[in-house]
Protein backbone atom coordinates (compact mmCIF):
# COMPACT_ATOMS: atom_id res chain seq x y z
CA MET A 1 98.65 85.71 86.47
CA LYS A 2 100.17 89.04 85.55
CA LYS A 3 100.02 91.65 88.32
CA PHE A 4 99.89 95.35 87.51
CA TYR A 5 100.93 97.61 90.38
CA CYS A 6 99.90 101.19 89.75
CA TYR A 7 98.99 104.49 91.36
CA SER A 8 95.61 105.93 90.35
CA ARG A 9 96.88 109.51 90.05
CA CYS A 10 99.85 108.60 87.83
CA SER A 11 99.50 109.49 84.14
CA THR A 12 102.10 106.89 83.10
CA CYS A 13 100.10 104.19 84.90
CA LYS A 14 96.97 105.30 83.05
CA LYS A 15 98.78 105.04 79.70
CA ALA A 16 100.09 101.57 80.55
CA LYS A 17 96.65 100.39 81.71
CA LYS A 18 95.08 101.68 78.49
CA TRP A 19 97.73 99.87 76.44
CA LEU A 20 97.20 96.61 78.36
CA ASP A 21 93.43 96.83 77.92
CA GLU A 22 93.70 97.66 74.20
CA HIS A 23 95.94 94.62 73.72
CA GLU A 24 93.61 92.43 75.80
CA VAL A 25 96.31 91.51 78.29
CA VAL A 26 94.74 89.82 81.31
CA TYR A 27 96.08 91.11 84.63
CA GLU A 28 95.23 91.71 88.25
CA GLN A 29 95.54 95.33 89.38
CA GLN A 30 96.88 96.41 92.77
CA ASP A 31 97.39 99.90 94.21
CA LEU A 32 101.13 100.42 94.56
CA VAL A 33 100.83 103.05 97.28
CA GLU A 34 98.11 101.54 99.47
CA LEU A 35 99.33 97.96 99.16
CA PRO A 36 102.95 97.85 97.95
CA PRO A 37 104.67 94.53 97.23
CA THR A 38 106.28 92.80 100.18
CA LYS A 39 109.99 92.83 100.91
CA GLU A 40 110.12 89.13 99.98
CA GLU A 41 108.44 89.71 96.60
CA LEU A 42 110.77 92.61 95.83
CA LEU A 43 113.81 90.55 96.87
CA THR A 44 112.81 87.84 94.41
CA TRP A 45 112.15 90.24 91.54
CA ILE A 46 115.31 92.30 92.06
CA SER A 47 117.49 89.19 92.51
CA ASN A 48 116.17 87.61 89.31
CA SER A 49 116.42 90.78 87.25
CA ASP A 50 119.35 91.79 85.10
CA GLN A 51 118.55 95.44 85.92
CA ASN A 52 120.42 97.47 88.50
CA LEU A 53 118.78 98.60 91.75
CA ARG A 54 118.12 102.12 90.45
CA TYR A 55 115.75 100.61 87.83
CA PHE A 56 113.24 99.80 90.59
CA PHE A 57 113.27 103.28 92.15
CA ASN A 58 111.05 106.21 91.19
CA THR A 59 114.05 108.52 90.78
CA SER A 60 111.89 111.51 89.86
CA GLY A 61 109.62 111.17 92.90
CA GLN A 62 109.46 113.54 95.85
CA HIS A 63 110.06 110.81 98.43
CA TYR A 64 113.20 109.69 96.58
CA ARG A 65 114.58 113.24 96.63
CA GLN A 66 113.51 113.91 100.24
CA LEU A 67 115.37 110.81 101.42
CA GLY A 68 118.48 111.79 99.43
CA LEU A 69 118.58 108.39 97.74
CA LYS A 70 120.45 109.53 94.64
CA ASP A 71 123.79 108.83 96.26
CA LYS A 72 122.63 105.99 98.54
CA VAL A 73 121.07 103.46 96.16
CA ALA A 74 124.40 102.42 94.60
CA GLN A 75 125.73 101.40 98.05
CA MET A 76 122.59 99.51 99.12
CA SER A 77 122.32 95.76 99.33
CA VAL A 78 119.42 94.10 97.55
CA ALA A 79 117.86 93.37 100.97
CA GLU A 80 118.13 97.01 102.07
CA ALA A 81 116.60 98.21 98.79
CA ALA A 82 113.76 95.68 98.99
CA GLU A 83 112.96 96.70 102.56
CA LEU A 84 112.93 100.40 101.68
CA LEU A 85 110.79 99.90 98.56
CA ALA A 86 108.31 97.72 100.46
CA SER A 87 107.97 100.41 103.14
CA ASP A 88 106.88 103.14 100.69
CA GLY A 89 105.13 102.36 97.40
CA LYS A 90 105.85 105.85 96.11
CA LEU A 91 109.55 104.95 95.98
CA ILE A 92 108.84 102.21 93.41
CA LYS A 93 109.07 103.14 89.74
CA ARG A 94 105.60 102.79 88.34
CA PRO A 95 103.81 101.09 86.90
CA LEU A 96 105.29 97.81 88.05
CA MET A 97 104.21 94.78 86.05
CA VAL A 98 105.06 91.28 87.27
CA GLU A 99 104.50 87.67 86.31
CA GLY A 100 106.58 85.09 88.14
CA THR A 101 110.13 86.44 87.97
CA LYS A 102 109.44 88.57 84.87
CA VAL A 103 109.31 92.28 85.83
CA THR A 104 109.07 95.65 84.12
CA CYS A 105 109.13 99.07 85.78
CA GLY A 106 107.79 102.15 84.07
CA PHE A 107 105.98 102.10 80.74
CA LYS A 108 107.63 101.88 77.35
CA GLU A 109 105.42 100.54 74.61
CA ASP A 110 108.19 98.52 72.94
CA VAL A 111 109.15 96.88 76.25
CA TYR A 112 105.51 96.01 77.00
CA GLN A 113 105.12 94.67 73.46
CA ALA A 114 108.16 92.40 73.85
CA THR A 115 107.50 91.36 77.44
CA TRP A 116 103.74 91.11 77.96
CA LEU A 117 102.28 90.06 74.60
CA ASN A 118 103.02 86.33 74.77
């Protein structure tokens, strides 16, 4: 089952949700801020992704800037990144869509088309 992690006040999440619904993609929705993914889930997704660590971070978010992560993420281990992301859902780039080890962060229509319509 596809899992859609989103934040209700995020306009990008709303666009992605609308797209998923219009394309009749079946998914389970979870609030990214109130109930973020676990460290173990994030470890699995990051380890199985061909994306770099920065891909998973909400680099334009206030929490990211407040913690000064711009210069720290590149030096983090996958375990450190997973622990940090699991501790604060607002640090995760949203929306986060997952099925098994398949993961997308953010919303780009072409990426959703290629990844979630099969």
